[in-house]
Protein backbone atom coordinates (compact mmCIF):
# COMPACT_ATOMS: atom_id res chain seq x y z
CA MET A 1 -27.82 32.25 43.84
CA ILE A 2 -25.31 30.22 45.87
CA ASP A 3 -27.61 29.35 48.69
CA PRO A 4 -28.77 25.73 48.20
CA SER A 5 -31.91 26.37 50.09
CA ASP A 6 -32.94 29.15 47.85
CA ASN A 7 -34.80 28.89 44.71
CA PHE A 8 -33.77 31.89 43.03
CA PRO A 9 -32.57 30.58 39.35
CA VAL A 10 -28.84 30.05 39.06
CA ILE A 11 -27.55 31.45 35.42
CA HIS A 12 -24.50 30.67 32.93
CA ASP A 13 -23.25 34.12 34.15
CA MET A 14 -22.64 33.29 37.96
CA TYR A 15 -21.35 29.70 38.09
CA LEU A 16 -18.91 30.92 35.40
CA LYS A 17 -18.01 33.96 37.52
CA ARG A 18 -17.46 31.33 41.07
CA TYR A 19 -15.20 28.98 38.59
CA GLN A 20 -13.26 32.28 37.48
CA LEU A 21 -12.46 32.98 41.08
CA SER A 22 -11.53 30.06 42.02
CA GLN A 23 -8.39 30.58 40.25
CA PRO A 24 -8.25 27.29 38.12
CA ASN A 25 -5.28 26.10 37.31
CA LEU A 26 -5.88 24.28 33.91
CA SER A 27 -2.30 23.62 32.78
CA HIS A 28 -1.99 20.89 34.98
CA ARG A 29 -4.61 18.94 33.32
CA PHE A 30 -4.22 19.72 29.69
CA ASP A 31 -1.28 20.49 27.15
CA ILE A 32 -3.30 22.94 24.79
CA ILE A 33 -6.52 25.22 25.65
CA LEU A 34 -8.24 25.81 22.35
CA PHE A 35 -10.22 28.76 22.49
CA ASP A 36 -13.03 28.81 19.82
CA GLU A 37 -14.93 32.21 18.98
CA ALA A 38 -12.59 34.21 20.66
CA GLN A 39 -14.12 37.35 18.93
CA ASP A 40 -17.06 37.13 21.42
CA ALA A 41 -14.89 36.62 25.03
CA ASN A 42 -16.32 38.24 27.75
CA PRO A 43 -13.89 39.21 30.64
CA VAL A 44 -14.14 36.14 32.66
CA THR A 45 -13.24 33.91 30.35
CA HIS A 46 -11.20 35.96 29.06
CA ASP A 47 -9.03 35.99 32.67
CA ILE A 48 -9.67 31.95 32.49
CA VAL A 49 -7.87 31.42 29.34
CA PHE A 50 -5.30 34.04 29.83
CA ARG A 51 -4.00 32.74 33.47
CA GLN A 52 -2.97 29.39 32.08
CA THR A 53 0.27 28.80 31.30
CA THR A 54 -0.45 25.75 28.69
CA LYS A 55 0.05 26.33 24.92
CA LEU A 56 -2.87 28.33 23.62
CA VAL A 57 -4.77 28.16 20.06
CA MET A 58 -7.73 30.67 19.38
CA VAL A 59 -10.17 30.68 16.56
CA GLY A 60 -12.51 33.51 15.78
CA ASP A 61 -13.48 36.09 13.09
CA ALA A 62 -13.78 39.75 14.44
CA HIS A 63 -16.57 39.93 11.79
CA GLN A 64 -18.47 37.57 13.24
CA GLN A 65 -18.84 39.27 16.60
CA ILE A 66 -22.18 38.99 17.85
CA TYR A 67 -22.62 39.59 21.59
CA ARG A 68 -20.58 42.59 22.44
CA PHE A 69 -24.24 43.82 23.53
CA ARG A 70 -23.27 41.87 26.66
CA GLY A 71 -19.46 43.21 27.29
CA ALA A 72 -18.01 40.95 24.74
CA PHE A 73 -14.38 41.51 22.97
CA ASP A 74 -12.54 40.18 20.42
CA VAL A 75 -9.49 38.90 22.75
CA LEU A 76 -7.37 38.05 19.33
CA ASN A 77 -6.74 41.61 19.08
CA ALA A 78 -5.57 41.68 22.99
CA PRO A 79 -1.86 43.58 23.32
CA SER A 80 -0.63 40.50 24.50
CA LEU A 81 -0.90 38.92 21.30
CA THR A 82 1.09 41.03 19.27
CA ASP A 83 3.79 38.59 18.65
CA ALA A 84 1.60 35.69 18.43
CA ASP A 85 1.56 33.24 15.34
CA ARG A 86 -1.86 34.02 12.84
CA LEU A 87 -2.61 31.95 10.26
CA TRP A 88 -6.13 32.89 8.13
CA LEU A 89 -8.23 30.21 6.61
CA THR A 90 -7.88 29.82 3.23
CA HIS A 91 -10.26 27.80 1.52
CA ARG A 92 -14.42 28.04 2.34
CA PHE A 93 -16.67 25.36 3.55
CA ARG A 94 -20.00 26.72 3.82
CA PHE A 95 -20.73 28.71 0.89
CA GLY A 96 -19.64 28.99 -2.86
CA ALA A 97 -17.46 31.44 -5.02
CA CYS A 98 -20.25 34.22 -5.61
CA VAL A 99 -21.03 34.95 -1.99
CA ALA A 100 -17.24 34.42 -0.90
CA ASP A 101 -16.77 37.42 -4.00
CA MET A 102 -18.89 39.42 -2.68
CA ALA A 103 -18.31 38.98 0.84
CA ASN A 104 -14.47 39.97 0.48
CA ALA A 105 -15.68 42.91 -1.59
CA LEU A 106 -17.44 44.32 1.04
CA LEU A 107 -14.93 43.38 4.05
CA ALA A 108 -12.40 45.08 1.63
CA MET A 109 -14.10 48.46 1.67
CA ASN A 110 -13.02 48.25 5.11
CA ASP A 111 -9.51 48.13 4.86
CA GLU A 112 -9.69 44.01 5.27
CA THR A 113 -7.42 42.33 4.10
CA HIS A 114 -7.75 38.55 4.89
């Protein structure tokens, strides 16, 4: 895939892995990293982000994880984040109270409290 004379297609996973192996230091360029959809992190992205020494803001919802079949995992529950500050979204913007009430009732059946 990395041979320019070969027409074998380069897929996203390949160039992301090459970027990870280069051990980029994003901390020199950015003050803060925003890691969105952190519930669907793959091991490569997790490694890139967690190697940085800059501030990190992660956003995600374990109930919206859709890429587990590709090896994704919820980094919001990583052991290194046990003492991290956590904030919860308290207002909804995509649906009304009826949908929210039903969703909260279903999530409560799984011992969800937020």
